[in-house]
Amino acid sequence: MRESLLQISSAETGRLGVRHLKRFWALARVRRQGQPVEVTEHDWRFDNLLLHGLGLALEETTQYLLQHAPEFEEFEQWILARNEGRLAPEQVERLNSVFSGQPYGPALLAHLHEIEAYPDVLSAEDLRFWDENGYVVVHGAVPREQAQATEAAVWQALGMRPAEPASWYEKTIGKGIMMEFYHHPTLAANRRTLRIQKAFAQLWQTPDLWTTTDRTSFNPPETVNLPFQGPRLHWDVSLQPPFHFGTQGLLYLCDTPAEQGAFCCVPGFHRQLETWLAHLPAGSDPRQVNLEAQAVPIAAQAGDFVIWHHFLPHGSSPNRGTYPRIVQYLNMYPVEFRETMQWR
């Protein structure tokens, strides 16, 4: 059984006609049986492209496959349910083009041309600020009304009420402040916003980017019974060389002054990370070094989008305001993006 599953190739498809999907399912099946599976960089890259191309979240999908062990046809139905019952032809075409090494068709090329023709979002001054500090704020990345609609969807998903602070503490959010809330029309609309896509395209110097399906988060004012849960400063990337350029981002869904649990980071650290690591005492864990004194909170308004270099130590901060900090995480990357497989 194990060998037959491992022999499923990326070229095999099912009812949805998506390459690599059956192989992804098969490898998850083997892992669930407790068998070791070597993850090659090739499979890692294809897995990420597959999930993001299908609008799926990594953790949610992994949990479903490991906990429920669905047959392949059931897995395909689960995917459709998270895509409002259908996959757009462009989704399937783009994935299969990449997995088969074939060029994009006219519809996909037209979308890339649309992004290329869209006016620059980041000015020359914005790009200089990015180079110096490793982050940039895209003001009005989505209309304020759209951000507020997403905020309302978060409140509804939580079953909490904005005007009743007591309701903010009635239930567990998720993992700390992180919500497992991925699939809603307004979340999807934010991911498609041309202003956000153009900002990422300028930083990556290509419009051909893949969009992550990531979490939202809800960080209420801390109390005696619920102190700040983090995450404090951290990296989401391996600190083992070689190092590769990468981005991360979040969309503010409500006005967020500095004291309201704003996103924070250590500006400019992307330019010194390698040198800093090289000069740490032998045997020390870089993730345990306290850099809090250098962290700066980034206040912003509803609809503003923060992009940061993934070399920056970053995190949320204690909410000492009077209203929750509510954000949607969102990132984009090109097909050539690489991460170091060895974790440090």
C-alpha atoms as a PDB file:
ATOM      1  CA  MET A   1       0.000   0.000   0.000  1.00  0.00           C
ATOM      2  CA  ARG A   2       2.762   2.454   1.005  1.00  0.00           C
ATOM      3  CA  GLU A   3       4.774   1.778  -2.134  1.00  0.00           C
ATOM      4  CA  SER A   4       1.754   2.169  -4.417  1.00  0.00           C
ATOM      5  CA  LEU A   5       0.910   5.521  -2.817  1.00  0.00           C
ATOM      6  CA  LEU A   6       4.492   6.738  -3.149  1.00  0.00           C
ATOM      7  CA  GLN A   7       4.449   5.829  -6.840  1.00  0.00           C
ATOM      8  CA  ILE A   8       1.615   8.258  -7.596  1.00  0.00           C
ATOM      9  CA  SER A   9       3.136  10.983  -9.745  1.00  0.00           C
ATOM     10  CA  SER A  10       2.392  14.684  -9.986  1.00  0.00           C
ATOM     11  CA  ALA A  11       0.943  14.068 -13.451  1.00  0.00           C
ATOM     12  CA  GLU A  12      -2.002  12.019 -12.118  1.00  0.00           C
ATOM     13  CA  THR A  13      -5.293  13.876 -11.749  1.00  0.00           C
ATOM     14  CA  GLY A  14      -8.784  13.225 -10.480  1.00  0.00           C
ATOM     15  CA  ARG A  15     -12.200  14.721 -11.089  1.00  0.00           C
ATOM     16  CA  LEU A  16     -10.920  18.287 -10.622  1.00  0.00           C
ATOM     17  CA  GLY A  17      -8.197  17.789 -13.218  1.00  0.00           C
ATOM     18  CA  VAL A  18      -5.476  19.288 -11.010  1.00  0.00           C
ATOM     19  CA  ARG A  19      -1.967  17.912 -11.306  1.00  0.00           C
ATOM     20  CA  HIS A  20       0.020  17.047  -8.146  1.00  0.00           C
ATOM     21  CA  LEU A  21      -3.157  16.996  -6.044  1.00  0.00           C
ATOM     22  CA  LYS A  22      -3.362  13.191  -5.943  1.00  0.00           C
ATOM     23  CA  ARG A  23       0.329  12.910  -5.042  1.00  0.00           C
ATOM     24  CA  PHE A  24      -0.127  15.454  -2.249  1.00  0.00           C
ATOM     25  CA  TRP A  25      -3.065  13.440  -0.891  1.00  0.00           C
ATOM     26  CA  ALA A  26      -1.131  10.175  -1.195  1.00  0.00           C
ATOM     27  CA  LEU A  27       1.908  11.421   0.721  1.00  0.00           C
ATOM     28  CA  ALA A  28      -0.370  12.703   3.496  1.00  0.00           C
ATOM     29  CA  ARG A  29      -1.944   9.235   3.609  1.00  0.00           C
ATOM     30  CA  VAL A  30       1.466   7.622   4.068  1.00  0.00           C
ATOM     31  CA  ARG A  31       2.386  10.058   6.847  1.00  0.00           C
ATOM     32  CA  ARG A  32      -0.863   9.279   8.641  1.00  0.00           C
ATOM     33  CA  GLN A  33       0.120   5.627   8.656  1.00  0.00           C
ATOM     34  CA  GLY A  34       3.205   6.639  10.619  1.00  0.00           C
ATOM     35  CA  GLN A  35       5.605   6.031   7.762  1.00  0.00           C
ATOM     36  CA  PRO A  36       8.490   8.472   7.208  1.00  0.00           C
ATOM     37  CA  VAL A  37       8.340  10.453   3.990  1.00  0.00           C
ATOM     38  CA  GLU A  38      11.331  12.388   2.754  1.00  0.00           C
ATOM     39  CA  VAL A  39      10.202  15.855   1.712  1.00  0.00           C
ATOM     40  CA  THR A  40      12.264  17.012  -1.250  1.00  0.00           C
ATOM     41  CA  GLU A  41      12.527  20.680  -2.147  1.00  0.00           C
ATOM     42  CA  HIS A  42      10.626  19.815  -5.323  1.00  0.00           C
ATOM     43  CA  ASP A  43       7.673  18.371  -3.414  1.00  0.00           C
ATOM     44  CA  TRP A  44       7.809  21.218  -0.863  1.00  0.00           C
ATOM     45  CA  ARG A  45       7.596  23.777  -3.672  1.00  0.00           C
ATOM     46  CA  PHE A  46       4.792  21.955  -5.499  1.00  0.00           C
ATOM     47  CA  ASP A  47       2.840  21.442  -2.242  1.00  0.00           C
ATOM     48  CA  ASN A  48       2.868  25.157  -1.479  1.00  0.00           C
ATOM     49  CA  LEU A  49       1.913  26.155  -5.013  1.00  0.00           C
ATOM     50  CA  LEU A  50      -0.891  23.583  -4.990  1.00  0.00           C
ATOM     51  CA  LEU A  51      -2.427  24.786  -1.733  1.00  0.00           C
ATOM     52  CA  HIS A  52      -2.163  28.478  -2.537  1.00  0.00           C
ATOM     53  CA  GLY A  53      -3.369  27.967  -6.090  1.00  0.00           C
ATOM     54  CA  LEU A  54      -6.446  26.190  -4.710  1.00  0.00           C
ATOM     55  CA  GLY A  55      -7.071  28.815  -2.017  1.00  0.00           C
ATOM     56  CA  LEU A  56      -6.322  26.353   0.782  1.00  0.00           C
ATOM     57  CA  ALA A  57      -4.633  26.938   4.125  1.00  0.00           C
ATOM     58  CA  LEU A  58      -1.725  24.669   5.022  1.00  0.00           C
ATOM     59  CA  GLU A  59      -2.657  23.941   8.631  1.00  0.00           C
ATOM     60  CA  GLU A  60      -6.357  23.472   7.961  1.00  0.00           C
ATOM     61  CA  THR A  61      -5.679  21.110   5.052  1.00  0.00           C
ATOM     62  CA  THR A  62      -3.052  19.106   6.913  1.00  0.00           C
ATOM     63  CA  GLN A  63      -5.347  18.660   9.916  1.00  0.00           C
ATOM     64  CA  TYR A  64      -8.210  17.518   7.710  1.00  0.00           C
ATOM     65  CA  LEU A  65      -6.094  14.925   5.917  1.00  0.00           C
ATOM     66  CA  LEU A  66      -4.484  13.561   9.086  1.00  0.00           C
ATOM     67  CA  GLN A  67      -7.613  13.512  11.236  1.00  0.00           C
ATOM     68  CA  HIS A  68     -10.169  12.285   8.699  1.00  0.00           C
ATOM     69  CA  ALA A  69      -8.089  10.219   6.250  1.00  0.00           C
ATOM     70  CA  PRO A  70     -10.513  10.916   3.380  1.00  0.00           C
ATOM     71  CA  GLU A  71     -10.542   8.993   0.148  1.00  0.00           C
ATOM     72  CA  PHE A  72      -9.233  11.066  -2.734  1.00  0.00           C
ATOM     73  CA  GLU A  73     -12.708  11.833  -4.101  1.00  0.00           C
ATOM     74  CA  GLU A  74     -13.776  13.061  -0.640  1.00  0.00           C
ATOM     75  CA  PHE A  75     -10.732  15.319  -0.513  1.00  0.00           C
ATOM     76  CA  GLU A  76     -11.682  16.837  -3.860  1.00  0.00           C
ATOM     77  CA  GLN A  77     -15.199  17.539  -2.553  1.00  0.00           C
ATOM     78  CA  TRP A  78     -13.721  19.188   0.552  1.00  0.00           C
ATOM     79  CA  ILE A  79     -11.644  21.452  -1.702  1.00  0.00           C
ATOM     80  CA  LEU A  80     -14.714  22.466  -3.691  1.00  0.00           C
ATOM     81  CA  ALA A  81     -16.571  23.327  -0.484  1.00  0.00           C
ATOM     82  CA  ARG A  82     -13.813  25.817   0.348  1.00  0.00           C
ATOM     83  CA  ASN A  83     -14.066  27.365  -3.100  1.00  0.00           C
ATOM     84  CA  GLU A  84     -17.812  28.074  -3.051  1.00  0.00           C
ATOM     85  CA  GLY A  85     -18.512  24.882  -4.997  1.00  0.00           C
ATOM     86  CA  ARG A  86     -16.275  25.374  -8.021  1.00  0.00           C
ATOM     87  CA  LEU A  87     -12.726  26.005  -9.156  1.00  0.00           C
ATOM     88  CA  ALA A  88     -12.213  28.791 -11.657  1.00  0.00           C
ATOM     89  CA  PRO A  89     -10.736  27.447 -14.922  1.00  0.00           C
ATOM     90  CA  GLU A  90      -7.859  29.889 -14.488  1.00  0.00           C
ATOM     91  CA  GLN A  91      -6.958  28.286 -11.140  1.00  0.00           C
ATOM     92  CA  VAL A  92      -6.636  24.849 -12.704  1.00  0.00           C
ATOM     93  CA  GLU A  93      -4.855  26.157 -15.793  1.00  0.00           C
ATOM     94  CA  ARG A  94      -2.269  28.063 -13.782  1.00  0.00           C
ATOM     95  CA  LEU A  95      -1.443  25.120 -11.540  1.00  0.00           C
ATOM     96  CA  ASN A  96      -1.223  22.662 -14.409  1.00  0.00           C
ATOM     97  CA  SER A  97       0.922  25.066 -16.421  1.00  0.00           C
ATOM     98  CA  VAL A  98       3.458  25.268 -13.614  1.00  0.00           C
ATOM     99  CA  PHE A  99       3.390  21.551 -12.770  1.00  0.00           C
ATOM    100  CA  SER A 100       3.805  20.550 -16.421  1.00  0.00           C
ATOM    101  CA  GLY A 101       6.255  23.282 -17.414  1.00  0.00           C
ATOM    102  CA  GLN A 102       3.869  24.657 -20.039  1.00  0.00           C
ATOM    103  CA  PRO A 103       3.366  28.389 -20.762  1.00  0.00           C
ATOM    104  CA  TYR A 104       0.348  30.320 -19.516  1.00  0.00           C
ATOM    105  CA  GLY A 105      -2.664  30.776 -21.741  1.00  0.00           C
ATOM    106  CA  PRO A 106      -4.173  34.118 -22.887  1.00  0.00           C
ATOM    107  CA  ALA A 107      -6.416  34.676 -19.842  1.00  0.00           C
ATOM    108  CA  LEU A 108      -3.575  34.284 -17.348  1.00  0.00           C
ATOM    109  CA  LEU A 109      -1.249  36.443 -19.413  1.00  0.00           C
ATOM    110  CA  ALA A 110      -3.934  39.140 -19.605  1.00  0.00           C
ATOM    111  CA  HIS A 111      -4.147  39.216 -15.798  1.00  0.00           C
ATOM    112  CA  LEU A 112      -0.377  39.603 -15.494  1.00  0.00           C
ATOM    113  CA  HIS A 113      -0.479  42.441 -18.024  1.00  0.00           C
ATOM    114  CA  GLU A 114      -3.234  44.066 -15.951  1.00  0.00           C
ATOM    115  CA  ILE A 115      -0.969  44.096 -12.900  1.00  0.00           C
ATOM    116  CA  GLU A 116       1.965  45.380 -14.937  1.00  0.00           C
ATOM    117  CA  ALA A 117      -0.153  48.233 -16.339  1.00  0.00           C
ATOM    118  CA  TYR A 118      -1.555  49.205 -12.931  1.00  0.00           C
ATOM    119  CA  PRO A 119       0.034  52.434 -11.627  1.00  0.00           C
ATOM    120  CA  ASP A 120       2.909  51.997  -9.199  1.00  0.00           C
ATOM    121  CA  VAL A 121       1.722  51.781  -5.610  1.00  0.00           C
ATOM    122  CA  LEU A 122       5.119  52.216  -3.972  1.00  0.00           C
ATOM    123  CA  SER A 123       6.831  55.500  -4.732  1.00  0.00           C
ATOM    124  CA  ALA A 124      10.584  55.950  -5.066  1.00  0.00           C
ATOM    125  CA  GLU A 125      10.570  57.219  -1.471  1.00  0.00           C
ATOM    126  CA  ASP A 126       8.602  54.137  -0.350  1.00  0.00           C
ATOM    127  CA  LEU A 127      11.178  51.878  -2.006  1.00  0.00           C
ATOM    128  CA  ARG A 128      14.066  53.748  -0.358  1.00  0.00           C
ATOM    129  CA  PHE A 129      12.282  53.381   2.994  1.00  0.00           C
ATOM    130  CA  TRP A 130      11.854  49.654   2.280  1.00  0.00           C
ATOM    131  CA  ASP A 131      15.547  49.227   1.495  1.00  0.00           C
ATOM    132  CA  GLU A 132      16.538  51.024   4.685  1.00  0.00           C
ATOM    133  CA  ASN A 133      13.953  49.674   7.129  1.00  0.00           C
ATOM    134  CA  GLY A 134      12.738  46.405   5.644  1.00  0.00           C
ATOM    135  CA  TYR A 135       9.051  47.283   5.843  1.00  0.00           C
ATOM    136  CA  VAL A 136       6.600  49.604   4.151  1.00  0.00           C
ATOM    137  CA  VAL A 137       2.999  50.675   4.771  1.00  0.00           C
ATOM    138  CA  VAL A 138       0.653  50.714   1.775  1.00  0.00           C
ATOM    139  CA  HIS A 139      -1.966  53.269   2.812  1.00  0.00           C
ATOM    140  CA  GLY A 140      -5.470  52.582   1.572  1.00  0.00           C
ATOM    141  CA  ALA A 141      -4.495  49.195   0.185  1.00  0.00           C
ATOM    142  CA  VAL A 142      -8.176  48.279   0.237  1.00  0.00           C
ATOM    143  CA  PRO A 143     -11.053  50.747   0.629  1.00  0.00           C
ATOM    144  CA  ARG A 144     -11.921  51.463   4.241  1.00  0.00           C
ATOM    145  CA  GLU A 145     -15.419  50.064   3.717  1.00  0.00           C
ATOM    146  CA  GLN A 146     -13.968  46.778   2.444  1.00  0.00           C
ATOM    147  CA  ALA A 147     -11.697  46.495   5.495  1.00  0.00           C
ATOM    148  CA  GLN A 148     -14.677  47.161   7.758  1.00  0.00           C
ATOM    149  CA  ALA A 149     -16.698  44.478   5.962  1.00  0.00           C
ATOM    150  CA  THR A 150     -13.895  42.011   6.660  1.00  0.00           C
ATOM    151  CA  GLU A 151     -13.783  43.101  10.293  1.00  0.00           C
ATOM    152  CA  ALA A 152     -17.534  42.454  10.520  1.00  0.00           C
ATOM    153  CA  ALA A 153     -16.987  38.958   9.091  1.00  0.00           C
ATOM    154  CA  VAL A 154     -14.380  38.297  11.800  1.00  0.00           C
ATOM    155  CA  TRP A 155     -16.785  39.406  14.547  1.00  0.00           C
ATOM    156  CA  GLN A 156     -19.471  37.148  13.099  1.00  0.00           C
ATOM    157  CA  ALA A 157     -17.105  34.179  12.874  1.00  0.00           C
ATOM    158  CA  LEU A 158     -16.114  34.678  16.500  1.00  0.00           C
ATOM    159  CA  GLY A 159     -19.680  35.170  17.691  1.00  0.00           C
ATOM    160  CA  MET A 160     -18.610  38.300  19.561  1.00  0.00           C
ATOM    161  CA  ARG A 161     -20.013  41.820  19.618  1.00  0.00           C
ATOM    162  CA  PRO A 162     -17.921  44.978  19.051  1.00  0.00           C
ATOM    163  CA  ALA A 163     -19.985  47.091  21.478  1.00  0.00           C
ATOM    164  CA  GLU A 164     -19.854  44.513  24.288  1.00  0.00           C
ATOM    165  CA  PRO A 165     -16.278  44.169  25.604  1.00  0.00           C
ATOM    166  CA  ALA A 166     -17.282  41.325  27.931  1.00  0.00           C
ATOM    167  CA  SER A 167     -18.028  39.190  24.856  1.00  0.00           C
ATOM    168  CA  TRP A 168     -14.403  39.528  23.667  1.00  0.00           C
ATOM    169  CA  TYR A 169     -13.260  37.137  26.376  1.00  0.00           C
ATOM    170  CA  GLU A 170     -16.075  34.566  26.370  1.00  0.00           C
ATOM    171  CA  LYS A 171     -14.307  31.975  24.244  1.00  0.00           C
ATOM    172  CA  THR A 172     -10.901  30.906  22.992  1.00  0.00           C
ATOM    173  CA  ILE A 173      -9.860  32.697  19.798  1.00  0.00           C
ATOM    174  CA  GLY A 174      -7.768  29.863  18.416  1.00  0.00           C
ATOM    175  CA  LYS A 175      -4.037  29.468  18.932  1.00  0.00           C
ATOM    176  CA  GLY A 176      -3.437  32.520  21.081  1.00  0.00           C
ATOM    177  CA  ILE A 177      -4.658  35.461  19.019  1.00  0.00           C
ATOM    178  CA  MET A 178      -4.605  33.490  15.743  1.00  0.00           C
ATOM    179  CA  MET A 179      -7.957  32.503  14.224  1.00  0.00           C
ATOM    180  CA  GLU A 180      -8.522  29.560  11.918  1.00  0.00           C
ATOM    181  CA  PHE A 181     -10.683  31.739   9.675  1.00  0.00           C
ATOM    182  CA  TYR A 182      -9.715  31.533   6.021  1.00  0.00           C
ATOM    183  CA  HIS A 183     -12.707  31.191   3.710  1.00  0.00           C
ATOM    184  CA  HIS A 184     -15.039  34.143   3.320  1.00  0.00           C
ATOM    185  CA  PRO A 185     -15.825  36.241   0.229  1.00  0.00           C
ATOM    186  CA  THR A 186     -14.411  39.424   1.752  1.00  0.00           C
ATOM    187  CA  LEU A 187     -11.132  37.689   2.704  1.00  0.00           C
ATOM    188  CA  ALA A 188     -10.852  36.435  -0.868  1.00  0.00           C
ATOM    189  CA  ALA A 189     -11.637  39.910  -2.243  1.00  0.00           C
ATOM    190  CA  ASN A 190      -8.781  41.391  -0.218  1.00  0.00           C
ATOM    191  CA  ARG A 191      -6.378  38.823  -1.655  1.00  0.00           C
ATOM    192  CA  ARG A 192      -7.405  39.848  -5.176  1.00  0.00           C
ATOM    193  CA  THR A 193      -6.970  43.591  -4.627  1.00  0.00           C
ATOM    194  CA  LEU A 194      -4.818  45.019  -7.422  1.00  0.00           C
ATOM    195  CA  ARG A 195      -3.274  47.651  -5.156  1.00  0.00           C
ATOM    196  CA  ILE A 196      -1.853  44.932  -2.888  1.00  0.00           C
ATOM    197  CA  GLN A 197      -0.810  42.776  -5.832  1.00  0.00           C
ATOM    198  CA  LYS A 198       1.012  45.705  -7.425  1.00  0.00           C
ATOM    199  CA  ALA A 199       2.917  46.542  -4.234  1.00  0.00           C
ATOM    200  CA  PHE A 200       4.186  42.975  -3.990  1.00  0.00           C
ATOM    201  CA  ALA A 201       4.942  42.955  -7.737  1.00  0.00           C
ATOM    202  CA  GLN A 202       7.173  46.013  -7.281  1.00  0.00           C
ATOM    203  CA  LEU A 203       9.107  44.410  -4.433  1.00  0.00           C
ATOM    204  CA  TRP A 204       9.496  41.062  -6.198  1.00  0.00           C
ATOM    205  CA  GLN A 205       9.976  42.746  -9.590  1.00  0.00           C
ATOM    206  CA  THR A 206       7.441  40.448 -11.242  1.00  0.00           C
ATOM    207  CA  PRO A 207       3.641  40.382 -11.449  1.00  0.00           C
ATOM    208  CA  ASP A 208       3.614  36.568 -11.577  1.00  0.00           C
ATOM    209  CA  LEU A 209       3.019  35.936  -7.873  1.00  0.00           C
ATOM    210  CA  TRP A 210       1.129  33.336  -5.843  1.00  0.00           C
ATOM    211  CA  THR A 211      -1.105  34.490  -3.003  1.00  0.00           C
ATOM    212  CA  THR A 212      -1.227  32.701   0.338  1.00  0.00           C
ATOM    213  CA  THR A 213      -4.436  31.738   2.106  1.00  0.00           C
ATOM    214  CA  ASP A 214      -3.528  32.739   5.614  1.00  0.00           C
ATOM    215  CA  ARG A 215      -5.065  33.383   9.016  1.00  0.00           C
ATOM    216  CA  THR A 216      -6.778  36.335  10.573  1.00  0.00           C
ATOM    217  CA  SER A 217      -6.042  37.386  14.143  1.00  0.00           C
ATOM    218  CA  PHE A 218      -7.937  39.024  16.993  1.00  0.00           C
ATOM    219  CA  ASN A 219      -5.895  40.621  19.784  1.00  0.00           C
ATOM    220  CA  PRO A 220      -8.201  42.087  22.486  1.00  0.00           C
ATOM    221  CA  PRO A 221      -7.013  44.491  25.198  1.00  0.00           C
ATOM    222  CA  GLU A 222      -5.117  42.502  27.798  1.00  0.00           C
ATOM    223  CA  THR A 223      -6.675  41.980  31.212  1.00  0.00           C
ATOM    224  CA  VAL A 224      -5.568  40.481  34.526  1.00  0.00           C
ATOM    225  CA  ASN A 225      -7.230  37.219  33.520  1.00  0.00           C
ATOM    226  CA  LEU A 226      -6.033  37.349  29.915  1.00  0.00           C
ATOM    227  CA  PRO A 227      -2.539  38.834  29.634  1.00  0.00           C
ATOM    228  CA  PHE A 228      -0.908  39.298  26.245  1.00  0.00           C
ATOM    229  CA  GLN A 229      -0.561  35.906  24.549  1.00  0.00           C
ATOM    230  CA  GLY A 230       1.963  36.812  21.868  1.00  0.00           C
ATOM    231  CA  PRO A 231       3.460  36.023  19.525  1.00  0.00           C
ATOM    232  CA  ARG A 232       6.262  38.360  20.551  1.00  0.00           C
ATOM    233  CA  LEU A 233       9.257  38.989  18.304  1.00  0.00           C
ATOM    234  CA  HIS A 234      10.090  35.969  16.182  1.00  0.00           C
ATOM    235  CA  TRP A 235      11.028  34.829  12.684  1.00  0.00           C
ATOM    236  CA  ASP A 236       8.898  32.580  10.474  1.00  0.00           C
ATOM    237  CA  VAL A 237      11.903  31.598   8.375  1.00  0.00           C
ATOM    238  CA  SER A 238      14.885  29.341   9.023  1.00  0.00           C
ATOM    239  CA  LEU A 239      17.971  31.136  10.330  1.00  0.00           C
ATOM    240  CA  GLN A 240      20.228  28.608   8.646  1.00  0.00           C
ATOM    241  CA  PRO A 241      22.127  29.797   5.531  1.00  0.00           C
ATOM    242  CA  PRO A 242      21.712  30.145   2.629  1.00  0.00           C
ATOM    243  CA  PHE A 243      19.339  33.076   2.992  1.00  0.00           C
ATOM    244  CA  HIS A 244      16.731  33.966   0.388  1.00  0.00           C
ATOM    245  CA  PHE A 245      14.668  37.100  -0.053  1.00  0.00           C
ATOM    246  CA  GLY A 246      11.081  36.831   1.141  1.00  0.00           C
ATOM    247  CA  THR A 247       8.148  38.958   2.250  1.00  0.00           C
ATOM    248  CA  GLN A 248       5.249  38.807   4.687  1.00  0.00           C
ATOM    249  CA  GLY A 249       2.237  41.054   5.103  1.00  0.00           C
ATOM    250  CA  LEU A 250      -0.882  41.927   7.046  1.00  0.00           C
ATOM    251  CA  LEU A 251      -3.964  44.036   6.420  1.00  0.00           C
ATOM    252  CA  TYR A 252      -5.326  46.183   9.252  1.00  0.00           C
ATOM    253  CA  LEU A 253      -9.085  45.709   9.440  1.00  0.00           C
ATOM    254  CA  CYS A 254      -9.658  48.430  12.049  1.00  0.00           C
ATOM    255  CA  ASP A 255      -7.861  51.624  13.047  1.00  0.00           C
ATOM    256  CA  THR A 256      -4.908  50.568  15.170  1.00  0.00           C
ATOM    257  CA  PRO A 257      -2.835  53.097  17.121  1.00  0.00           C
ATOM    258  CA  ALA A 258       0.527  51.985  18.491  1.00  0.00           C
ATOM    259  CA  GLU A 259      -0.785  51.037  21.937  1.00  0.00           C
ATOM    260  CA  GLN A 260      -3.598  48.862  20.509  1.00  0.00           C
ATOM    261  CA  GLY A 261      -1.485  45.748  20.016  1.00  0.00           C
ATOM    262  CA  ALA A 262      -0.024  47.050  16.768  1.00  0.00           C
ATOM    263  CA  PHE A 263       2.275  44.965  14.607  1.00  0.00           C
ATOM    264  CA  CYS A 264       5.884  45.589  15.595  1.00  0.00           C
ATOM    265  CA  CYS A 265       9.265  44.812  14.073  1.00  0.00           C
ATOM    266  CA  VAL A 266      12.948  45.702  14.356  1.00  0.00           C
ATOM    267  CA  PRO A 267      13.537  48.126  11.446  1.00  0.00           C
ATOM    268  CA  GLY A 268      16.645  47.555   9.358  1.00  0.00           C
ATOM    269  CA  PHE A 269      17.439  44.131  10.808  1.00  0.00           C
ATOM    270  CA  HIS A 270      17.256  42.541   7.354  1.00  0.00           C
ATOM    271  CA  ARG A 271      20.524  44.303   6.529  1.00  0.00           C
ATOM    272  CA  GLN A 272      22.383  42.905   9.537  1.00  0.00           C
ATOM    273  CA  LEU A 273      20.867  39.469  10.141  1.00  0.00           C
ATOM    274  CA  GLU A 274      23.735  37.437   8.677  1.00  0.00           C
ATOM    275  CA  THR A 275      26.422  39.472  10.468  1.00  0.00           C
ATOM    276  CA  TRP A 276      24.459  39.364  13.731  1.00  0.00           C
ATOM    277  CA  LEU A 277      24.125  35.583  13.530  1.00  0.00           C
ATOM    278  CA  ALA A 278      27.826  35.157  12.769  1.00  0.00           C
ATOM    279  CA  HIS A 279      28.808  37.119  15.899  1.00  0.00           C
ATOM    280  CA  LEU A 280      26.553  35.303  18.369  1.00  0.00           C
ATOM    281  CA  PRO A 281      28.373  33.242  21.025  1.00  0.00           C
ATOM    282  CA  ALA A 282      28.934  29.639  19.987  1.00  0.00           C
ATOM    283  CA  GLY A 283      25.989  27.404  20.810  1.00  0.00           C
ATOM    284  CA  SER A 284      23.540  30.222  21.468  1.00  0.00           C
ATOM    285  CA  ASP A 285      19.986  30.088  20.137  1.00  0.00           C
ATOM    286  CA  PRO A 286      19.266  33.244  18.117  1.00  0.00           C
ATOM    287  CA  ARG A 287      15.532  32.831  18.732  1.00  0.00           C
ATOM    288  CA  GLN A 288      16.090  33.253  22.475  1.00  0.00           C
ATOM    289  CA  VAL A 289      17.921  36.584  22.184  1.00  0.00           C
ATOM    290  CA  ASN A 290      15.728  39.419  23.477  1.00  0.00           C
ATOM    291  CA  LEU A 291      15.443  42.190  20.868  1.00  0.00           C
ATOM    292  CA  GLU A 292      12.327  43.803  22.340  1.00  0.00           C
ATOM    293  CA  ALA A 293      14.114  47.074  23.137  1.00  0.00           C
ATOM    294  CA  GLN A 294      14.690  47.623  19.398  1.00  0.00           C
ATOM    295  CA  ALA A 295      11.113  46.864  18.330  1.00  0.00           C
ATOM    296  CA  VAL A 296       8.920  49.604  16.860  1.00  0.00           C
ATOM    297  CA  PRO A 297       5.092  49.423  16.724  1.00  0.00           C
ATOM    298  CA  ILE A 298       3.587  50.236  13.321  1.00  0.00           C
ATOM    299  CA  ALA A 299       0.300  52.110  13.766  1.00  0.00           C
ATOM    300  CA  ALA A 300      -2.073  52.224  10.799  1.00  0.00           C
ATOM    301  CA  GLN A 301      -5.668  52.724   9.701  1.00  0.00           C
ATOM    302  CA  ALA A 302      -8.320  50.291   8.550  1.00  0.00           C
ATOM    303  CA  GLY A 303      -7.429  49.277   4.991  1.00  0.00           C
ATOM    304  CA  ASP A 304      -3.687  49.910   5.364  1.00  0.00           C
ATOM    305  CA  PHE A 305      -1.353  47.059   4.494  1.00  0.00           C
ATOM    306  CA  VAL A 306       2.074  46.384   6.025  1.00  0.00           C
ATOM    307  CA  ILE A 307       4.668  44.413   4.066  1.00  0.00           C
ATOM    308  CA  TRP A 308       7.884  43.404   5.781  1.00  0.00           C
ATOM    309  CA  HIS A 309      11.083  41.575   4.842  1.00  0.00           C
ATOM    310  CA  HIS A 310      10.973  38.126   6.435  1.00  0.00           C
ATOM    311  CA  PHE A 311      14.431  38.659   7.952  1.00  0.00           C
ATOM    312  CA  LEU A 312      12.932  41.193  10.364  1.00  0.00           C
ATOM    313  CA  PRO A 313      12.146  40.005  13.881  1.00  0.00           C
ATOM    314  CA  HIS A 314       8.451  40.800  14.141  1.00  0.00           C
ATOM    315  CA  GLY A 315       5.342  40.113  16.179  1.00  0.00           C
ATOM    316  CA  SER A 316       2.249  41.555  17.727  1.00  0.00           C
ATOM    317  CA  SER A 317       2.406  43.648  20.892  1.00  0.00           C
ATOM    318  CA  PRO A 318       0.404  43.904  24.126  1.00  0.00           C
ATOM    319  CA  ASN A 319      -2.925  45.617  23.523  1.00  0.00           C
ATOM    320  CA  ARG A 320      -3.188  48.431  26.050  1.00  0.00           C
ATOM    321  CA  GLY A 321      -5.926  50.210  24.138  1.00  0.00           C
ATOM    322  CA  THR A 322      -9.686  49.979  24.374  1.00  0.00           C
ATOM    323  CA  TYR A 323     -10.479  47.985  21.201  1.00  0.00           C
ATOM    324  CA  PRO A 324      -9.109  44.755  19.669  1.00  0.00           C
ATOM    325  CA  ARG A 325      -6.453  44.701  16.989  1.00  0.00           C
ATOM    326  CA  ILE A 326      -7.938  42.768  14.063  1.00  0.00           C
ATOM    327  CA  VAL A 327      -5.870  41.853  10.986  1.00  0.00           C
ATOM    328  CA  GLN A 328      -5.747  39.544   7.981  1.00  0.00           C
ATOM    329  CA  TYR A 329      -2.397  38.002   7.061  1.00  0.00           C
ATOM    330  CA  LEU A 330      -1.577  37.889   3.375  1.00  0.00           C
ATOM    331  CA  ASN A 331       1.613  37.222   1.442  1.00  0.00           C
ATOM    332  CA  MET A 332       2.701  36.761  -2.172  1.00  0.00           C
ATOM    333  CA  TYR A 333       5.712  35.072  -3.724  1.00  0.00           C
ATOM    334  CA  PRO A 334       6.992  33.948  -7.157  1.00  0.00           C
ATOM    335  CA  VAL A 335       7.199  30.343  -8.285  1.00  0.00           C
ATOM    336  CA  GLU A 336      11.012  30.498  -7.929  1.00  0.00           C
ATOM    337  CA  PHE A 337      10.830  31.393  -4.227  1.00  0.00           C
ATOM    338  CA  ARG A 338      13.075  29.196  -2.109  1.00  0.00           C
ATOM    339  CA  GLU A 339      13.360  28.512   1.604  1.00  0.00           C
ATOM    340  CA  THR A 340      16.161  26.731   3.418  1.00  0.00           C
ATOM    341  CA  MET A 341      14.832  23.279   4.295  1.00  0.00           C
ATOM    342  CA  GLN A 342      17.096  22.866   7.354  1.00  0.00           C
ATOM    343  CA  TRP A 343      15.471  24.650  10.309  1.00  0.00           C
ATOM    344  CA  ARG A 344      17.473  26.665  12.783  1.00  0.00           C
END
